[in-house]
PDB file of N, CA and C in Angstrom:
ATOM      1  N   MET A   1       0.904  -0.726  -0.067  1.00  0.00           N
ATOM      2  CA  MET A   1      -0.223   0.058  -0.202  1.00  0.00           C
ATOM      3  C   MET A   1       0.651   1.186   0.113  1.00  0.00           C
ATOM      4  N   ILE A   2       0.121   2.421  -0.815  1.00  0.00           N
ATOM      5  CA  ILE A   2       1.049   3.776  -1.070  1.00  0.00           C
ATOM      6  C   ILE A   2       0.394   4.622  -0.059  1.00  0.00           C
ATOM      7  N   ILE A   3       1.138   5.296   0.882  1.00  0.00           N
ATOM      8  CA  ILE A   3       0.298   5.816   1.818  1.00  0.00           C
ATOM      9  C   ILE A   3       1.220   7.479   1.429  1.00  0.00           C
ATOM     10  N   THR A   4       0.347   8.368   1.117  1.00  0.00           N
ATOM     11  CA  THR A   4       0.696   9.886   0.701  1.00  0.00           C
ATOM     12  C   THR A   4       0.453  10.539   1.806  1.00  0.00           C
ATOM     13  N   THR A   5       1.261  11.355   2.521  1.00  0.00           N
ATOM     14  CA  THR A   5       0.976  12.446   3.313  1.00  0.00           C
ATOM     15  C   THR A   5       0.705  13.499   2.944  1.00  0.00           C
ATOM     16  N   ARG A   6       0.154  14.759   3.943  1.00  0.00           N
ATOM     17  CA  ARG A   6      -0.493  15.861   3.233  1.00  0.00           C
ATOM     18  C   ARG A   6       0.594  16.456   2.562  1.00  0.00           C
ATOM     19  N   ASP A   7       1.606  16.347   2.957  1.00  0.00           N
ATOM     20  CA  ASP A   7       2.993  17.274   2.621  1.00  0.00           C
ATOM     21  C   ASP A   7       3.718  16.557   1.561  1.00  0.00           C
ATOM     22  N   GLY A   8       3.017  15.470   1.014  1.00  0.00           N
ATOM     23  CA  GLY A   8       3.510  15.188  -0.290  1.00  0.00           C
ATOM     24  C   GLY A   8       4.422  14.125  -0.597  1.00  0.00           C
ATOM     25  N   LYS A   9       4.827  13.815   0.796  1.00  0.00           N
ATOM     26  CA  LYS A   9       6.015  12.499   1.045  1.00  0.00           C
ATOM     27  C   LYS A   9       4.996  10.900   0.874  1.00  0.00           C
ATOM     28  N   SER A  10       5.844  10.108   0.050  1.00  0.00           N
ATOM     29  CA  SER A  10       4.906   9.071  -0.067  1.00  0.00           C
ATOM     30  C   SER A  10       6.198   7.616   0.479  1.00  0.00           C
ATOM     31  N   PHE A  11       5.087   6.950   0.889  1.00  0.00           N
ATOM     32  CA  PHE A  11       5.845   5.770   1.566  1.00  0.00           C
ATOM     33  C   PHE A  11       5.039   4.671   1.118  1.00  0.00           C
ATOM     34  N   ASP A  12       6.353   3.503   0.935  1.00  0.00           N
ATOM     35  CA  ASP A  12       5.320   2.197   0.446  1.00  0.00           C
ATOM     36  C   ASP A  12       5.421   1.189   1.441  1.00  0.00           C
ATOM     37  N   THR A  13       4.757   0.985   2.165  1.00  0.00           N
ATOM     38  CA  THR A  13       4.502  -0.324   3.098  1.00  0.00           C
ATOM     39  C   THR A  13       4.915  -1.344   3.220  1.00  0.00           C
ATOM     40  N   ASP A  14       5.023  -1.966   1.626  1.00  0.00           N
ATOM     41  CA  ASP A  14       6.255  -3.437   1.362  1.00  0.00           C
ATOM     42  C   ASP A  14       7.409  -3.026   1.808  1.00  0.00           C
ATOM     43  N   THR A  15       7.609  -2.301   1.389  1.00  0.00           N
ATOM     44  CA  THR A  15       9.464  -1.289   1.489  1.00  0.00           C
ATOM     45  C   THR A  15      10.200  -0.550   2.675  1.00  0.00           C
ATOM     46  N   ASP A  16       9.094  -0.031   2.880  1.00  0.00           N
ATOM     47  CA  ASP A  16       9.425   1.520   3.645  1.00  0.00           C
ATOM     48  C   ASP A  16       9.064   0.897   5.123  1.00  0.00           C
ATOM     49  N   LEU A  17       8.260   0.278   5.631  1.00  0.00           N
ATOM     50  CA  LEU A  17       7.775  -0.373   6.979  1.00  0.00           C
ATOM     51  C   LEU A  17       8.373  -2.002   7.224  1.00  0.00           C
ATOM     52  N   THR A  18       8.595  -2.009   8.119  1.00  0.00           N
ATOM     53  CA  THR A  18       8.979  -4.041   8.928  1.00  0.00           C
ATOM     54  C   THR A  18       7.634  -4.455   9.275  1.00  0.00           C
ATOM     55  N   ALA A  19       7.539  -5.730   8.761  1.00  0.00           N
ATOM     56  CA  ALA A  19       6.554  -6.440   9.392  1.00  0.00           C
ATOM     57  C   ALA A  19       5.804  -5.997  10.531  1.00  0.00           C
ATOM     58  N   PRO A  20       6.139  -5.821  11.752  1.00  0.00           N
ATOM     59  CA  PRO A  20       5.577  -5.642  12.824  1.00  0.00           C
ATOM     60  C   PRO A  20       4.836  -4.160  12.458  1.00  0.00           C
ATOM     61  N   GLU A  21       5.475  -3.609  11.914  1.00  0.00           N
ATOM     62  CA  GLU A  21       5.170  -1.838  11.730  1.00  0.00           C
ATOM     63  C   GLU A  21       3.670  -1.639  11.097  1.00  0.00           C
ATOM     64  N   ARG A  22       3.734  -2.548   9.637  1.00  0.00           N
ATOM     65  CA  ARG A  22       2.528  -3.035   9.003  1.00  0.00           C
ATOM     66  C   ARG A  22       1.578  -3.769   9.700  1.00  0.00           C
ATOM     67  N   HIS A  23       1.547  -4.355  10.447  1.00  0.00           N
ATOM     68  CA  HIS A  23       0.713  -5.247  11.490  1.00  0.00           C
ATOM     69  C   HIS A  23       0.472  -3.984  12.145  1.00  0.00           C
ATOM     70  N   ILE A  24       0.763  -3.079  12.773  1.00  0.00           N
ATOM     71  CA  ILE A  24       0.496  -2.306  13.769  1.00  0.00           C
ATOM     72  C   ILE A  24      -0.072  -1.057  13.066  1.00  0.00           C
ATOM     73  N   LEU A  25       0.196  -1.068  12.066  1.00  0.00           N
ATOM     74  CA  LEU A  25      -0.212   0.319  11.268  1.00  0.00           C
ATOM     75  C   LEU A  25      -1.931  -0.059  10.850  1.00  0.00           C
ATOM     76  N   GLN A  26      -1.826  -1.346  10.331  1.00  0.00           N
ATOM     77  CA  GLN A  26      -3.316  -2.248   9.774  1.00  0.00           C
ATOM     78  C   GLN A  26      -4.333  -1.602  11.270  1.00  0.00           C
ATOM     79  N   LYS A  27      -3.965  -2.133  12.259  1.00  0.00           N
ATOM     80  CA  LYS A  27      -4.585  -1.664  13.520  1.00  0.00           C
ATOM     81  C   LYS A  27      -4.741  -0.145  14.018  1.00  0.00           C
ATOM     82  N   LEU A  28      -3.895   0.543  13.539  1.00  0.00           N
ATOM     83  CA  LEU A  28      -3.953   2.008  14.189  1.00  0.00           C
ATOM     84  C   LEU A  28      -5.028   2.871  12.730  1.00  0.00           C
ATOM     85  N   ILE A  29      -5.238   2.433  11.733  1.00  0.00           N
ATOM     86  CA  ILE A  29      -5.996   2.673  11.004  1.00  0.00           C
ATOM     87  C   ILE A  29      -7.224   2.779  10.691  1.00  0.00           C
ATOM     88  N   ILE A  30      -7.823   1.726  11.447  1.00  0.00           N
ATOM     89  CA  ILE A  30      -8.983   1.106  12.255  1.00  0.00           C
ATOM     90  C   ILE A  30      -9.113   2.265  12.951  1.00  0.00           C
ATOM     91  N   TRP A  31      -8.240   2.266  13.949  1.00  0.00           N
ATOM     92  CA  TRP A  31      -8.472   3.477  15.381  1.00  0.00           C
ATOM     93  C   TRP A  31      -8.254   5.007  14.946  1.00  0.00           C
ATOM     94  N   GLN A  32      -8.116   5.033  13.847  1.00  0.00           N
ATOM     95  CA  GLN A  32      -8.219   6.541  13.276  1.00  0.00           C
ATOM     96  C   GLN A  32      -9.491   6.810  12.844  1.00  0.00           C
ATOM     97  N   LEU A  33     -10.336   5.807  12.472  1.00  0.00           N
ATOM     98  CA  LEU A  33     -11.580   6.394  11.931  1.00  0.00           C
ATOM     99  C   LEU A  33     -12.900   6.086  13.508  1.00  0.00           C
ATOM    100  N   PHE A  34     -12.212   5.422  15.007  1.00  0.00           N
ATOM    101  CA  PHE A  34     -12.982   5.159  15.197  1.00  0.00           C
ATOM    102  C   PHE A  34     -12.896   6.304  16.984  1.00  0.00           C
ATOM    103  N   ALA A  35     -11.437   6.761  16.896  1.00  0.00           N
ATOM    104  CA  ALA A  35     -11.345   7.112  18.336  1.00  0.00           C
ATOM    105  C   ALA A  35     -12.213   8.537  18.387  1.00  0.00           C
ATOM    106  N   SER A  36     -12.412   8.345  19.358  1.00  0.00           N
ATOM    107  CA  SER A  36     -13.367   9.351  20.477  1.00  0.00           C
ATOM    108  C   SER A  36     -12.268  11.027  20.710  1.00  0.00           C
ATOM    109  N   SER A  37     -10.839  10.893  20.693  1.00  0.00           N
ATOM    110  CA  SER A  37      -9.674  12.236  20.702  1.00  0.00           C
ATOM    111  C   SER A  37      -8.683  11.761  20.008  1.00  0.00           C
ATOM    112  N   VAL A  38      -8.379  12.659  19.848  1.00  0.00           N
ATOM    113  CA  VAL A  38      -6.299  12.576  19.415  1.00  0.00           C
ATOM    114  C   VAL A  38      -5.909  11.971  20.440  1.00  0.00           C
ATOM    115  N   ASP A  39      -5.942  12.239  21.813  1.00  0.00           N
ATOM    116  CA  ASP A  39      -5.632  11.617  23.120  1.00  0.00           C
ATOM    117  C   ASP A  39      -5.918  10.066  22.999  1.00  0.00           C
ATOM    118  N   GLN A  40      -6.919   9.673  22.550  1.00  0.00           N
ATOM    119  CA  GLN A  40      -7.209   8.086  22.578  1.00  0.00           C
ATOM    120  C   GLN A  40      -6.363   7.454  21.540  1.00  0.00           C
ATOM    121  N   PHE A  41      -6.246   8.101  20.408  1.00  0.00           N
ATOM    122  CA  PHE A  41      -5.548   7.466  19.514  1.00  0.00           C
ATOM    123  C   PHE A  41      -4.261   7.501  19.534  1.00  0.00           C
ATOM    124  N   ARG A  42      -3.616   8.905  20.237  1.00  0.00           N
ATOM    125  CA  ARG A  42      -2.080   8.706  20.782  1.00  0.00           C
ATOM    126  C   ARG A  42      -2.157   7.254  21.808  1.00  0.00           C
ATOM    127  N   GLU A  43      -2.552   6.837  22.639  1.00  0.00           N
ATOM    128  CA  GLU A  43      -2.549   6.359  23.617  1.00  0.00           C
ATOM    129  C   GLU A  43      -3.094   4.744  22.802  1.00  0.00           C
ATOM    130  N   LYS A  44      -4.050   4.395  22.079  1.00  0.00           N
ATOM    131  CA  LYS A  44      -4.018   3.212  21.607  1.00  0.00           C
ATOM    132  C   LYS A  44      -2.332   2.756  20.333  1.00  0.00           C
ATOM    133  N   GLU A  45      -1.856   4.000  19.817  1.00  0.00           N
ATOM    134  CA  GLU A  45      -0.730   3.912  19.084  1.00  0.00           C
ATOM    135  C   GLU A  45       0.040   3.764  20.026  1.00  0.00           C
ATOM    136  N   LYS A  46       0.653   4.447  21.421  1.00  0.00           N
ATOM    137  CA  LYS A  46       1.663   4.064  22.240  1.00  0.00           C
ATOM    138  C   LYS A  46       1.319   2.448  22.945  1.00  0.00           C
ATOM    139  N   GLU A  47       0.345   2.206  22.955  1.00  0.00           N
ATOM    140  CA  GLU A  47       0.169   0.647  23.642  1.00  0.00           C
ATOM    141  C   GLU A  47       0.497  -0.292  22.503  1.00  0.00           C
ATOM    142  N   ALA A  48      -0.217   0.060  21.142  1.00  0.00           N
ATOM    143  CA  ALA A  48       0.753  -1.346  20.105  1.00  0.00           C
ATOM    144  C   ALA A  48       2.073  -1.070  20.039  1.00  0.00           C
ATOM    145  N   MET A  49       2.813  -0.042  20.218  1.00  0.00           N
ATOM    146  CA  MET A  49       4.142   0.305  19.622  1.00  0.00           C
ATOM    147  C   MET A  49       4.756  -0.521  21.001  1.00  0.00           C
ATOM    148  N   PHE A  50       4.046  -0.516  21.800  1.00  0.00           N
ATOM    149  CA  PHE A  50       4.680  -1.189  23.196  1.00  0.00           C
ATOM    150  C   PHE A  50       4.506  -3.085  22.973  1.00  0.00           C
ATOM    151  N   ARG A  51       3.197  -3.034  22.721  1.00  0.00           N
ATOM    152  CA  ARG A  51       3.132  -4.780  22.693  1.00  0.00           C
ATOM    153  C   ARG A  51       3.954  -5.292  21.714  1.00  0.00           C
ATOM    154  N   GLY A  52       3.829  -4.653  20.154  1.00  0.00           N
ATOM    155  CA  GLY A  52       4.486  -5.120  19.457  1.00  0.00           C
ATOM    156  C   GLY A  52       3.892  -6.069  18.274  1.00  0.00           C
ATOM    157  N   TRP A  53       4.196  -6.587  17.671  1.00  0.00           N
ATOM    158  CA  TRP A  53       3.430  -7.253  16.754  1.00  0.00           C
ATOM    159  C   TRP A  53       3.194  -8.737  17.304  1.00  0.00           C
ATOM    160  N   ASN A  54       1.932  -9.074  17.656  1.00  0.00           N
ATOM    161  CA  ASN A  54       1.414 -10.610  18.500  1.00  0.00           C
ATOM    162  C   ASN A  54       2.180 -10.416  19.748  1.00  0.00           C
ATOM    163  N   ASN A  55       2.324  -9.451  20.282  1.00  0.00           N
ATOM    164  CA  ASN A  55       2.703  -9.336  21.932  1.00  0.00           C
ATOM    165  C   ASN A  55       3.745  -9.669  21.703  1.00  0.00           C
ATOM    166  N   SER A  56       4.979  -9.301  20.585  1.00  0.00           N
ATOM    167  CA  SER A  56       5.997  -9.768  20.869  1.00  0.00           C
ATOM    168  C   SER A  56       7.170  -8.649  21.603  1.00  0.00           C
ATOM    169  N   GLY A  57       6.388  -7.665  21.951  1.00  0.00           N
ATOM    170  CA  GLY A  57       7.648  -6.630  22.292  1.00  0.00           C
ATOM    171  C   GLY A  57       7.670  -5.654  21.768  1.00  0.00           C
ATOM    172  N   PRO A  58       7.781  -4.690  22.631  1.00  0.00           N
ATOM    173  CA  PRO A  58       8.200  -3.140  21.575  1.00  0.00           C
ATOM    174  C   PRO A  58       8.888  -3.321  20.654  1.00  0.00           C
ATOM    175  N   ILE A  59       8.464  -2.532  19.515  1.00  0.00           N
ATOM    176  CA  ILE A  59       9.223  -2.393  18.473  1.00  0.00           C
ATOM    177  C   ILE A  59       9.875  -1.387  18.096  1.00  0.00           C
ATOM    178  N   LYS A  60      11.030  -0.560  17.194  1.00  0.00           N
ATOM    179  CA  LYS A  60      11.832   0.323  16.940  1.00  0.00           C
ATOM    180  C   LYS A  60      10.979   1.025  16.286  1.00  0.00           C
ATOM    181  N   THR A  61      10.245   2.084  15.767  1.00  0.00           N
ATOM    182  CA  THR A  61       9.694   2.869  15.095  1.00  0.00           C
ATOM    183  C   THR A  61      10.273   3.862  14.149  1.00  0.00           C
ATOM    184  N   SER A  62      10.324   3.530  12.332  1.00  0.00           N
ATOM    185  CA  SER A  62      11.065   4.050  12.040  1.00  0.00           C
ATOM    186  C   SER A  62      10.769   5.656  11.601  1.00  0.00           C
ATOM    187  N   GLU A  63      12.010   6.260  10.788  1.00  0.00           N
ATOM    188  CA  GLU A  63      11.323   7.172  10.346  1.00  0.00           C
ATOM    189  C   GLU A  63      10.019   7.442   9.589  1.00  0.00           C
ATOM    190  N   ALA A  64       9.696   6.839   8.436  1.00  0.00           N
ATOM    191  CA  ALA A  64       8.922   6.204   7.736  1.00  0.00           C
ATOM    192  C   ALA A  64       7.015   6.339   8.516  1.00  0.00           C
ATOM    193  N   MET A  65       7.515   5.165   9.667  1.00  0.00           N
ATOM    194  CA  MET A  65       6.288   4.952  10.431  1.00  0.00           C
ATOM    195  C   MET A  65       5.879   6.070  11.320  1.00  0.00           C
ATOM    196  N   ARG A  66       6.968   6.819  11.627  1.00  0.00           N
ATOM    197  CA  ARG A  66       6.672   7.791  12.450  1.00  0.00           C
ATOM    198  C   ARG A  66       5.795   9.049  11.473  1.00  0.00           C
ATOM    199  N   ALA A  67       6.445   9.356  10.498  1.00  0.00           N
ATOM    200  CA  ALA A  67       5.592  10.647   9.522  1.00  0.00           C
ATOM    201  C   ALA A  67       3.850   9.813   9.481  1.00  0.00           C
ATOM    202  N   ILE A  68       3.750   8.288   9.238  1.00  0.00           N
ATOM    203  CA  ILE A  68       2.472   8.540   8.496  1.00  0.00           C
ATOM    204  C   ILE A  68       1.731   8.192   9.902  1.00  0.00           C
ATOM    205  N   LEU A  69       2.199   7.910  11.008  1.00  0.00           N
ATOM    206  CA  LEU A  69       1.759   7.878  12.478  1.00  0.00           C
ATOM    207  C   LEU A  69       1.193   9.207  12.877  1.00  0.00           C
ATOM    208  N   ALA A  70       2.416  10.194  12.527  1.00  0.00           N
ATOM    209  CA  ALA A  70       1.569  12.044  12.231  1.00  0.00           C
ATOM    210  C   ALA A  70       0.414  11.872  11.311  1.00  0.00           C
ATOM    211  N   GLU A  71       0.872  11.562  10.450  1.00  0.00           N
ATOM    212  CA  GLU A  71      -0.727  11.916   9.182  1.00  0.00           C
ATOM    213  C   GLU A  71      -1.888  11.292   9.655  1.00  0.00           C
ATOM    214  N   LEU A  72      -1.831  10.102  10.536  1.00  0.00           N
ATOM    215  CA  LEU A  72      -2.801   9.354  10.978  1.00  0.00           C
ATOM    216  C   LEU A  72      -3.417  10.247  12.171  1.00  0.00           C
ATOM    217  N   GLU A  73      -2.377  11.080  12.795  1.00  0.00           N
ATOM    218  CA  GLU A  73      -3.190  11.479  14.158  1.00  0.00           C
ATOM    219  C   GLU A  73      -3.516  13.163  13.789  1.00  0.00           C
ATOM    220  N   ASP A  74      -2.901  13.230  12.449  1.00  0.00           N
ATOM    221  CA  ASP A  74      -3.817  14.718  11.910  1.00  0.00           C
ATOM    222  C   ASP A  74      -5.069  14.290  11.407  1.00  0.00           C
ATOM    223  N   LYS A  75      -5.573  13.262  10.543  1.00  0.00           N
ATOM    224  CA  LYS A  75      -6.611  13.086   9.787  1.00  0.00           C
ATOM    225  C   LYS A  75      -7.501  12.618  11.162  1.00  0.00           C
ATOM    226  N   VAL A  76      -7.362  12.343  12.363  1.00  0.00           N
ATOM    227  CA  VAL A  76      -8.036  12.308  13.473  1.00  0.00           C
ATOM    228  C   VAL A  76      -8.190  13.586  13.975  1.00  0.00           C
ATOM    229  N   ALA A  77      -7.271  14.432  14.446  1.00  0.00           N
ATOM    230  CA  ALA A  77      -7.698  15.772  14.413  1.00  0.00           C
ATOM    231  C   ALA A  77      -8.788  16.213  13.453  1.00  0.00           C
ATOM    232  N   LEU A  78      -8.263  16.050  12.056  1.00  0.00           N
ATOM    233  CA  LEU A  78      -9.305  16.765  11.239  1.00  0.00           C
ATOM    234  C   LEU A  78     -10.544  16.070  11.371  1.00  0.00           C
ATOM    235  N   ARG A  79     -10.937  15.067  11.534  1.00  0.00           N
ATOM    236  CA  ARG A  79     -12.122  14.263  11.578  1.00  0.00           C
ATOM    237  C   ARG A  79     -12.914  14.810  12.761  1.00  0.00           C
ATOM    238  N   LEU A  80     -12.454  14.765  13.892  1.00  0.00           N
ATOM    239  CA  LEU A  80     -13.026  15.177  14.999  1.00  0.00           C
ATOM    240  C   LEU A  80     -13.371  16.687  15.236  1.00  0.00           C
ATOM    241  N   ASN A  81     -12.561  17.489  13.955  1.00  0.00           N
ATOM    242  CA  ASN A  81     -12.847  18.799  13.948  1.00  0.00           C
ATOM    243  C   ASN A  81     -14.467  19.519  12.968  1.00  0.00           C
ATOM    244  N   ASP A  82     -14.558  18.000  11.852  1.00  0.00           N
ATOM    245  CA  ASP A  82     -15.294  18.390  11.412  1.00  0.00           C
ATOM    246  C   ASP A  82     -17.057  17.733  11.637  1.00  0.00           C
ATOM    247  N   ASP A  83     -16.651  16.879  12.841  1.00  0.00           N
ATOM    248  CA  ASP A  83     -17.279  16.067  13.618  1.00  0.00           C
ATOM    249  C   ASP A  83     -18.156  17.033  13.960  1.00  0.00           C
ATOM    250  N   MET A  84     -17.675  18.151  14.698  1.00  0.00           N
ATOM    251  CA  MET A  84     -17.923  19.330  15.218  1.00  0.00           C
ATOM    252  C   MET A  84     -18.873  20.576  14.984  1.00  0.00           C
ATOM    253  N   LYS A  85     -18.515  20.608  13.877  1.00  0.00           N
ATOM    254  CA  LYS A  85     -19.772  21.480  12.801  1.00  0.00           C
ATOM    255  C   LYS A  85     -20.949  21.503  12.273  1.00  0.00           C
TER     256      LYS A  85
END
């Protein structure tokens, strides 16, 4: 999957992320849609990164993953802002 951030950076999840990062990203994409606050999303993100893939333990977050996570946080904030209108 190719993810393009609002600032134009593109990431190929097959090559730019590790398998554990891809697994966590799948879960966080869902949380992006359902989180009731940015803080809740951040908490789920923190928990997922600590637990790792299939509870394998904490994983190191790559630069690409950090950029994608920041984009997801921004999308949560935008969605919540739109919901308030």
